[in-house]
Amino acid sequence: MSEPTLTTLPPGIRDLVEMGYGFYYNTAAAGVAAAAAGTASAPMLWNPSDSDVRLKIIKIRYGSVSGTVIVGHVAYGILLAAGAQIGTAQPIVSYTAGTAVNAVPGAGRVSKIKFAPLTLLLTAAPTYLMPNGLSSGGALAAGPLYKLEDYLDGGLIINPGVAFFPYISNAALALTAAVSVFALEIPISQTIS
């Protein structure tokens, strides 16, 4: 399968990107450490219950930065009933906000998703949702470049009141990676195609 570009995306997705509904949520190039789901599992994309959008995940990329890879896999986590507010009595206690980048620079549309690229505190750990297909059978030696990405093509939609965690692990992978999520913020009033 070739790399999807704006011209090869299905028409419904392409049209929404061109209207400014496509966003990139990127961690810093220095990356974040993979860890089992916990109360500080970053990065996080939180769709507040009052956002009036659904977050349609299109693609997630991982750029390896450093670490020791052992047997394990990278997975997704989810936090249901995440609400719309932060605070000590809320599911999301605090976070340091990151900035989403519109896929059409200058489009003027601002993300409604709350994005925590590195620092956050939750009342309870997110639930393990599913593996994303990136696995390690053991220690990796230095070698050729490789591509780590999951092309979901909208196969996961985050409703309002739910938080999504694109980089948790089932083991102590000790792997630091930069993470980039490309998704569409679709107004609930629109049909998802």
Protein backbone atom coordinates (compact mmCIF):
# COMPACT_ATOMS: atom_id res chain seq x y z
CA MET A 1 0.00 0.00 0.00
CA SER A 2 1.40 3.37 -0.94
CA GLU A 3 1.60 6.26 1.49
CA PRO A 4 -1.73 8.12 1.61
CA THR A 5 -1.57 11.73 0.46
CA LEU A 6 -4.30 14.34 0.25
CA THR A 7 -5.04 13.28 -3.33
CA THR A 8 -5.20 9.55 -2.46
CA LEU A 9 -7.41 9.92 0.61
CA PRO A 10 -11.01 8.82 0.08
CA PRO A 11 -13.15 11.76 -1.13
CA GLY A 12 -15.06 12.18 2.16
CA ILE A 13 -11.84 12.43 4.16
CA ARG A 14 -10.11 14.63 1.57
CA ASP A 15 -13.04 17.06 1.54
CA LEU A 16 -13.00 17.37 5.34
CA VAL A 17 -9.23 17.99 5.35
CA GLU A 18 -9.64 20.68 2.70
CA MET A 19 -12.35 22.33 4.85
CA GLY A 20 -9.91 22.52 7.75
CA TYR A 21 -11.17 19.65 9.91
CA GLY A 22 -7.89 17.66 9.77
CA PHE A 23 -5.37 18.07 12.59
CA TYR A 24 -1.95 16.74 13.61
CA TYR A 25 -1.30 16.17 17.31
CA ASN A 26 2.49 15.85 17.70
CA THR A 27 4.73 15.27 20.67
CA ALA A 28 8.12 17.01 20.72
CA ALA A 29 10.88 15.45 18.62
CA ALA A 30 12.54 14.34 21.89
CA GLY A 31 9.59 11.96 22.31
CA VAL A 32 7.82 10.31 25.23
CA ALA A 33 8.57 7.04 26.99
CA ALA A 34 6.31 4.04 26.40
CA ALA A 35 4.91 2.68 29.64
CA ALA A 36 2.12 0.49 30.91
CA ALA A 37 -1.13 2.41 31.37
CA GLY A 38 -0.93 4.59 34.45
CA THR A 39 -2.17 7.88 35.89
CA ALA A 40 0.44 9.82 33.87
CA SER A 41 0.05 8.06 30.47
CA ALA A 42 1.00 10.63 27.86
CA PRO A 43 0.31 11.54 25.16
CA MET A 44 -3.45 11.97 25.51
CA LEU A 45 -6.12 13.26 23.12
CA TRP A 46 -9.17 14.19 25.17
CA ASN A 47 -12.46 14.88 23.46
CA PRO A 48 -14.35 16.85 26.14
CA SER A 49 -18.03 15.98 26.54
CA ASP A 50 -19.00 19.51 25.42
CA SER A 51 -16.83 19.57 22.22
CA ASP A 52 -19.64 18.77 19.76
CA VAL A 53 -17.15 16.82 17.56
CA ARG A 54 -16.13 13.22 17.00
CA LEU A 55 -12.41 12.51 16.57
CA LYS A 56 -11.88 10.16 13.62
CA ILE A 57 -8.36 8.69 13.89
CA ILE A 58 -6.75 8.34 10.47
CA LYS A 59 -3.07 7.59 11.14
CA ILE A 60 -0.59 7.36 14.00
CA ARG A 61 3.19 7.51 13.45
CA TYR A 62 6.00 6.71 15.86
CA GLY A 63 9.55 7.98 15.48
CA SER A 64 12.01 5.98 17.55
CA VAL A 65 14.27 8.23 19.64
CA SER A 66 16.10 5.97 22.10
CA GLY A 67 15.75 3.03 24.42
CA THR A 68 16.10 -0.68 24.91
CA VAL A 69 13.46 -2.77 23.22
CA ILE A 70 12.38 -6.01 24.89
CA VAL A 71 9.59 -8.46 24.12
CA GLY A 72 6.34 -6.51 24.15
CA HIS A 73 4.02 -4.37 22.08
CA VAL A 74 2.68 -0.86 21.79
CA ALA A 75 -1.04 -0.42 22.41
CA TYR A 76 -3.86 2.08 22.66
CA GLY A 77 -5.64 3.07 25.84
CA ILE A 78 -9.01 4.67 26.46
CA LEU A 79 -10.64 6.56 29.33
CA LEU A 80 -14.43 6.60 29.21
CA ALA A 81 -16.53 9.19 31.06
CA ALA A 82 -13.65 11.70 30.91
CA GLY A 83 -16.05 14.65 31.22
CA ALA A 84 -15.39 18.22 30.17
CA GLN A 85 -13.55 19.74 33.14
CA ILE A 86 -10.22 19.21 34.90
CA GLY A 87 -9.78 19.19 38.67
CA THR A 88 -9.11 17.04 41.72
CA ALA A 89 -12.58 15.44 41.64
CA GLN A 90 -12.48 14.89 37.85
CA PRO A 91 -11.14 11.93 35.81
CA ILE A 92 -8.49 14.27 34.35
CA VAL A 93 -6.86 16.12 37.24
CA SER A 94 -4.41 18.24 35.25
CA TYR A 95 -2.42 18.40 32.02
CA THR A 96 -0.02 20.62 30.13
CA ALA A 97 -1.70 21.51 26.87
CA GLY A 98 -0.06 21.04 23.50
CA THR A 99 -1.15 22.69 20.27
CA ALA A 100 -2.76 20.79 17.42
CA VAL A 101 -1.63 21.78 13.91
CA ASN A 102 -4.30 22.17 11.24
CA ALA A 103 -3.56 20.10 8.11
CA VAL A 104 -4.39 23.24 6.10
CA PRO A 105 -2.15 25.92 7.60
CA GLY A 106 -3.98 29.22 7.74
CA ALA A 107 -7.42 27.58 7.55
CA GLY A 108 -8.41 29.40 10.73
CA ARG A 109 -10.13 26.40 12.32
CA VAL A 110 -8.86 25.63 15.84
CA SER A 111 -8.89 22.16 17.39
CA LYS A 112 -11.57 21.39 19.97
CA ILE A 113 -9.59 18.39 21.24
CA LYS A 114 -7.56 18.83 24.41
CA PHE A 115 -4.06 17.50 23.70
CA ALA A 116 -1.48 16.57 26.36
CA PRO A 117 1.76 15.63 24.57
CA LEU A 118 3.88 14.95 27.65
CA THR A 119 2.50 15.85 31.07
CA LEU A 120 -0.81 14.89 32.66
CA LEU A 121 -2.37 13.46 35.79
CA LEU A 122 -5.43 11.19 35.84
CA THR A 123 -7.56 9.96 38.73
CA ALA A 124 -7.35 6.40 37.32
CA ALA A 125 -5.28 4.74 34.61
CA PRO A 126 -6.76 4.37 31.13
CA THR A 127 -8.11 0.98 30.11
CA TYR A 128 -6.09 -1.12 27.67
CA LEU A 129 -8.02 -0.87 24.38
CA MET A 130 -6.05 -2.93 21.85
CA PRO A 131 -2.59 -3.55 20.44
CA ASN A 132 -1.71 -1.38 17.46
CA GLY A 133 0.39 -4.01 15.71
CA LEU A 134 3.85 -2.67 16.65
CA SER A 135 5.64 -5.47 18.47
CA SER A 136 9.14 -6.49 19.44
CA GLY A 137 10.33 -10.06 19.76
CA GLY A 138 13.40 -8.98 21.70
CA ALA A 139 16.32 -6.60 21.77
CA LEU A 140 16.95 -4.81 18.49
CA ALA A 141 20.43 -4.16 17.19
CA ALA A 142 21.38 -1.05 15.26
CA GLY A 143 20.29 -1.51 11.69
CA PRO A 144 18.41 -0.03 8.77
CA LEU A 145 15.75 2.64 9.04
CA TYR A 146 12.21 1.39 9.48
CA LYS A 147 8.74 2.89 9.54
CA LEU A 148 6.43 2.61 12.54
CA GLU A 149 2.88 3.65 11.80
CA ASP A 150 -0.69 2.48 12.12
CA TYR A 151 -3.05 3.56 9.34
CA LEU A 152 -6.50 3.26 10.93
CA ASP A 153 -8.39 5.10 8.17
CA GLY A 154 -11.12 6.12 10.63
CA GLY A 155 -11.43 2.65 12.16
CA LEU A 156 -11.42 4.28 15.60
CA ILE A 157 -13.69 7.21 16.46
CA ILE A 158 -13.41 8.99 19.79
CA ASN A 159 -16.76 10.39 20.95
CA PRO A 160 -17.18 13.39 23.25
CA GLY A 161 -16.38 12.58 26.86
CA VAL A 162 -13.64 10.07 25.97
CA ALA A 163 -9.84 10.36 26.18
CA PHE A 164 -7.53 8.39 23.85
CA PHE A 165 -3.96 7.33 24.62
CA PRO A 166 -1.99 6.39 21.47
CA TYR A 167 1.21 5.19 23.14
CA ILE A 168 1.02 2.73 26.03
CA SER A 169 2.74 -0.64 26.25
CA ASN A 170 2.02 -4.03 27.71
CA ALA A 171 5.56 -4.24 29.11
CA ALA A 172 8.44 -2.03 30.14
CA LEU A 173 9.68 -1.45 26.59
CA ALA A 174 11.94 1.39 27.74
CA LEU A 175 11.41 2.92 24.32
CA THR A 176 11.18 6.67 23.78
CA ALA A 177 9.47 7.79 20.59
CA ALA A 178 8.01 10.91 19.04
CA VAL A 179 4.31 10.34 18.36
CA SER A 180 2.14 11.99 15.71
CA VAL A 181 -1.61 11.43 15.38
CA PHE A 182 -3.49 12.62 12.30
CA ALA A 183 -7.25 12.81 12.81
CA LEU A 184 -10.40 14.55 11.66
CA GLU A 185 -12.56 16.56 14.04
CA ILE A 186 -15.99 15.97 12.58
CA PRO A 187 -18.94 18.05 13.85
CA ILE A 188 -21.54 15.70 15.29
CA SER A 189 -24.12 17.23 12.95
CA GLN A 190 -22.21 15.87 9.89
CA THR A 191 -22.38 12.34 8.53
CA ILE A 192 -19.17 10.31 8.90
CA SER A 193 -18.19 8.74 5.58
